[in-house]
C-alpha atoms as a PDB file:
ATOM      1  CA  MET A   1     -26.808 -55.521 179.909  1.00  0.00           C
ATOM      2  CA  GLY A   2     -27.239 -58.506 177.611  1.00  0.00           C
ATOM      3  CA  LEU A   3     -24.906 -59.175 174.715  1.00  0.00           C
ATOM      4  CA  VAL A   4     -27.544 -58.290 172.084  1.00  0.00           C
ATOM      5  CA  SER A   5     -28.245 -54.944 173.752  1.00  0.00           C
ATOM      6  CA  LEU A   6     -24.541 -54.275 174.206  1.00  0.00           C
ATOM      7  CA  LEU A   7     -23.835 -54.812 170.500  1.00  0.00           C
ATOM      8  CA  ARG A   8     -26.715 -52.519 169.515  1.00  0.00           C
ATOM      9  CA  VAL A   9     -25.442 -49.780 171.833  1.00  0.00           C
ATOM     10  CA  LEU A  10     -21.907 -50.175 170.470  1.00  0.00           C
ATOM     11  CA  LEU A  11     -23.230 -49.868 166.898  1.00  0.00           C
ATOM     12  CA  ASP A  12     -24.908 -46.573 167.804  1.00  0.00           C
ATOM     13  CA  GLU A  13     -21.885 -45.310 169.739  1.00  0.00           C
ATOM     14  CA  ALA A  14     -19.497 -46.165 166.898  1.00  0.00           C
ATOM     15  CA  VAL A  15     -21.496 -44.033 164.455  1.00  0.00           C
ATOM     16  CA  LEU A  16     -22.182 -41.159 166.873  1.00  0.00           C
ATOM     17  CA  ASP A  17     -18.611 -40.947 168.211  1.00  0.00           C
ATOM     18  CA  ASN A  18     -16.925 -41.846 164.901  1.00  0.00           C
ATOM     19  CA  ARG A  19     -14.975 -44.597 166.703  1.00  0.00           C
ATOM     20  CA  GLU A  20     -14.161 -48.216 166.012  1.00  0.00           C
ATOM     21  CA  TYR A  21     -15.153 -50.778 168.629  1.00  0.00           C
ATOM     22  CA  GLY A  22     -14.572 -54.485 168.876  1.00  0.00           C
ATOM     23  CA  VAL A  23     -15.491 -57.462 170.994  1.00  0.00           C
ATOM     24  CA  ARG A  24     -12.944 -60.106 171.917  1.00  0.00           C
ATOM     25  CA  PHE A  25     -14.379 -63.496 172.782  1.00  0.00           C
ATOM     26  CA  GLU A  26     -12.679 -66.196 174.799  1.00  0.00           C
ATOM     27  CA  VAL A  27     -14.012 -69.608 175.797  1.00  0.00           C
ATOM     28  CA  HIS A  28     -15.986 -68.321 178.811  1.00  0.00           C
ATOM     29  CA  SER A  29     -15.827 -64.533 178.519  1.00  0.00           C
ATOM     30  CA  TYR A  30     -15.897 -61.474 176.294  1.00  0.00           C
ATOM     31  CA  GLN A  31     -14.536 -57.936 176.533  1.00  0.00           C
ATOM     32  CA  VAL A  32     -15.315 -54.705 174.696  1.00  0.00           C
ATOM     33  CA  LEU A  33     -12.347 -52.950 173.063  1.00  0.00           C
ATOM     34  CA  ARG A  34     -11.934 -49.546 171.422  1.00  0.00           C
ATOM     35  CA  PHE A  35      -9.408 -48.733 168.729  1.00  0.00           C
ATOM     36  CA  ASP A  36      -7.008 -45.952 169.734  1.00  0.00           C
ATOM     37  CA  PRO A  37      -5.905 -44.251 166.484  1.00  0.00           C
ATOM     38  CA  LEU A  38      -3.104 -42.321 168.226  1.00  0.00           C
ATOM     39  CA  LYS A  39      -1.471 -45.526 169.474  1.00  0.00           C
ATOM     40  CA  SER A  40      -2.702 -47.641 166.529  1.00  0.00           C
ATOM     41  CA  ARG A  41      -3.885 -50.445 168.791  1.00  0.00           C
ATOM     42  CA  TRP A  42      -6.896 -51.876 170.547  1.00  0.00           C
ATOM     43  CA  GLN A  43      -7.521 -50.868 174.170  1.00  0.00           C
ATOM     44  CA  PRO A  44     -10.057 -52.291 176.626  1.00  0.00           C
ATOM     45  CA  LEU A  45     -13.036 -49.944 176.932  1.00  0.00           C
ATOM     46  CA  ASP A  46     -12.828 -50.600 180.664  1.00  0.00           C
ATOM     47  CA  ASP A  47     -11.307 -53.279 182.872  1.00  0.00           C
ATOM     48  CA  LYS A  48     -14.521 -55.292 182.896  1.00  0.00           C
ATOM     49  CA  VAL A  49     -14.339 -58.779 181.427  1.00  0.00           C
ATOM     50  CA  ASN A  50     -17.821 -60.258 181.080  1.00  0.00           C
ATOM     51  CA  GLU A  51     -17.725 -63.829 182.365  1.00  0.00           C
ATOM     52  CA  LEU A  52     -20.069 -66.513 181.064  1.00  0.00           C
ATOM     53  CA  PRO A  53     -21.154 -69.464 183.217  1.00  0.00           C
ATOM     54  CA  ASP A  54     -18.960 -72.561 182.846  1.00  0.00           C
ATOM     55  CA  TRP A  55     -21.870 -74.560 181.437  1.00  0.00           C
ATOM     56  CA  VAL A  56     -22.318 -72.194 178.468  1.00  0.00           C
ATOM     57  CA  GLN A  57     -20.619 -73.444 175.326  1.00  0.00           C
ATOM     58  CA  LEU A  58     -19.659 -70.520 173.102  1.00  0.00           C
ATOM     59  CA  SER A  59     -18.554 -70.727 169.489  1.00  0.00           C
ATOM     60  CA  ILE A  60     -18.288 -68.109 166.770  1.00  0.00           C
ATOM     61  CA  GLU A  61     -18.109 -67.979 162.998  1.00  0.00           C
ATOM     62  CA  VAL A  62     -16.752 -64.812 161.421  1.00  0.00           C
ATOM     63  CA  GLU A  63     -17.477 -64.319 157.731  1.00  0.00           C
ATOM     64  CA  ASP A  64     -18.591 -67.991 157.553  1.00  0.00           C
ATOM     65  CA  GLN A  65     -15.283 -69.250 159.003  1.00  0.00           C
ATOM     66  CA  GLY A  66     -15.065 -70.981 162.374  1.00  0.00           C
ATOM     67  CA  VAL A  67     -12.843 -69.153 164.862  1.00  0.00           C
ATOM     68  CA  SER A  68     -10.878 -70.941 167.559  1.00  0.00           C
ATOM     69  CA  LEU A  69     -11.589 -69.232 170.858  1.00  0.00           C
ATOM     70  CA  PRO A  70      -8.679 -68.818 173.242  1.00  0.00           C
ATOM     71  CA  THR A  71      -8.945 -69.672 176.903  1.00  0.00           C
ATOM     72  CA  ALA A  72      -8.535 -66.831 179.387  1.00  0.00           C
ATOM     73  CA  GLN A  73      -5.330 -64.938 178.694  1.00  0.00           C
ATOM     74  CA  GLY A  74      -2.619 -66.467 180.829  1.00  0.00           C
ATOM     75  CA  ASP A  75      -0.439 -63.409 180.497  1.00  0.00           C
ATOM     76  CA  LYS A  76      -2.527 -60.402 181.400  1.00  0.00           C
ATOM     77  CA  ASP A  77      -0.186 -58.156 179.426  1.00  0.00           C
ATOM     78  CA  LYS A  78      -1.931 -54.778 179.449  1.00  0.00           C
ATOM     79  CA  SER A  79       0.517 -53.304 176.929  1.00  0.00           C
ATOM     80  CA  ALA A  80      -0.568 -55.559 174.081  1.00  0.00           C
ATOM     81  CA  PRO A  81      -4.279 -56.431 174.171  1.00  0.00           C
ATOM     82  CA  LYS A  82      -5.257 -59.110 171.690  1.00  0.00           C
ATOM     83  CA  PRO A  83      -7.353 -57.858 168.748  1.00  0.00           C
ATOM     84  CA  PRO A  84     -11.111 -58.452 168.680  1.00  0.00           C
ATOM     85  CA  GLN A  85     -12.743 -61.091 166.508  1.00  0.00           C
ATOM     86  CA  LEU A  86     -15.812 -58.886 165.998  1.00  0.00           C
ATOM     87  CA  LEU A  87     -15.393 -55.338 164.651  1.00  0.00           C
ATOM     88  CA  ILE A  88     -18.002 -52.592 165.016  1.00  0.00           C
ATOM     89  CA  LEU A  89     -17.137 -49.774 162.638  1.00  0.00           C
ATOM     90  CA  SER A  90     -17.936 -46.066 162.648  1.00  0.00           C
ATOM     91  CA  SER A  91     -19.645 -46.581 159.271  1.00  0.00           C
ATOM     92  CA  GLY A  92     -22.371 -48.567 161.059  1.00  0.00           C
ATOM     93  CA  GLU A  93     -21.127 -51.884 159.682  1.00  0.00           C
ATOM     94  CA  LEU A  94     -19.903 -54.800 161.697  1.00  0.00           C
ATOM     95  CA  THR A  95     -18.126 -58.053 160.993  1.00  0.00           C
ATOM     96  CA  PRO A  96     -20.593 -60.643 159.623  1.00  0.00           C
ATOM     97  CA  PHE A  97     -20.844 -63.271 162.354  1.00  0.00           C
ATOM     98  CA  THR A  98     -22.802 -66.081 163.951  1.00  0.00           C
ATOM     99  CA  LEU A  99     -22.327 -66.529 167.679  1.00  0.00           C
ATOM    100  CA  ARG A 100     -23.613 -69.836 169.036  1.00  0.00           C
ATOM    101  CA  LEU A 101     -24.545 -70.160 172.723  1.00  0.00           C
ATOM    102  CA  ALA A 102     -25.361 -73.664 173.893  1.00  0.00           C
ATOM    103  CA  GLY A 103     -26.262 -74.805 177.387  1.00  0.00           C
ATOM    104  CA  GLY A 104     -24.240 -77.900 178.170  1.00  0.00           C
ATOM    105  CA  ARG A 105     -26.143 -79.046 181.266  1.00  0.00           C
ATOM    106  CA  GLU A 106     -29.363 -80.356 179.813  1.00  0.00           C
ATOM    107  CA  ARG A 107     -29.829 -82.565 176.829  1.00  0.00           C
ATOM    108  CA  GLY A 108     -32.166 -80.842 174.410  1.00  0.00           C
ATOM    109  CA  ALA A 109     -31.540 -77.401 175.908  1.00  0.00           C
ATOM    110  CA  PRO A 110     -32.163 -74.679 173.319  1.00  0.00           C
ATOM    111  CA  VAL A 111     -29.224 -73.376 171.336  1.00  0.00           C
ATOM    112  CA  LEU A 112     -29.301 -69.640 170.701  1.00  0.00           C
ATOM    113  CA  LEU A 113     -27.693 -67.921 167.740  1.00  0.00           C
ATOM    114  CA  LEU A 114     -26.762 -64.264 167.603  1.00  0.00           C
ATOM    115  CA  VAL A 115     -26.452 -63.408 163.913  1.00  0.00           C
ATOM    116  CA  SER A 116     -25.602 -60.415 161.724  1.00  0.00           C
ATOM    117  CA  ASP A 117     -24.811 -60.167 158.024  1.00  0.00           C
ATOM    118  CA  GLY A 118     -22.612 -57.138 158.701  1.00  0.00           C
ATOM    119  CA  PHE A 119     -25.259 -54.542 157.875  1.00  0.00           C
ATOM    120  CA  ALA A 120     -28.312 -55.495 159.933  1.00  0.00           C
ATOM    121  CA  GLU A 121     -28.387 -55.216 163.714  1.00  0.00           C
ATOM    122  CA  PRO A 122     -27.557 -58.486 165.466  1.00  0.00           C
ATOM    123  CA  ALA A 123     -30.638 -60.677 165.904  1.00  0.00           C
ATOM    124  CA  LEU A 124     -31.198 -63.494 168.369  1.00  0.00           C
ATOM    125  CA  GLN A 125     -32.565 -66.752 166.923  1.00  0.00           C
ATOM    126  CA  GLN A 126     -33.134 -70.247 168.204  1.00  0.00           C
ATOM    127  CA  GLU A 127     -31.190 -72.906 166.323  1.00  0.00           C
ATOM    128  CA  LYS A 128     -33.431 -75.342 164.498  1.00  0.00           C
ATOM    129  CA  SER A 129     -33.215 -78.994 165.531  1.00  0.00           C
ATOM    130  CA  ARG A 130     -31.222 -81.177 163.195  1.00  0.00           C
END
């Protein structure tokens, strides 16, 4: 499942299940998390970490602020998962964000943006040339 589809499904699931979800991005991967209200912490939805190819350059802005993406977690400490940068709330809202995916192999390769203002579903756009 693509990232756009995944986010749309999580938006629906959050509202239907009255749960809070999140996505944690790292330099070459992302993972879906679910908030556990009984433990008051984020838990991986499953053990799957979605890997991106090495040539993909990923960057994210959350609420118009650039976010430094960590490299893969060196300490795979299951007891304290890191919080997500992107929240998907049971109210149907999500963190306003712009996710930039650039292919580093070819000069002039298209740059894709995945964008949401926090209320609208995430939309995929092609970045305009500068």
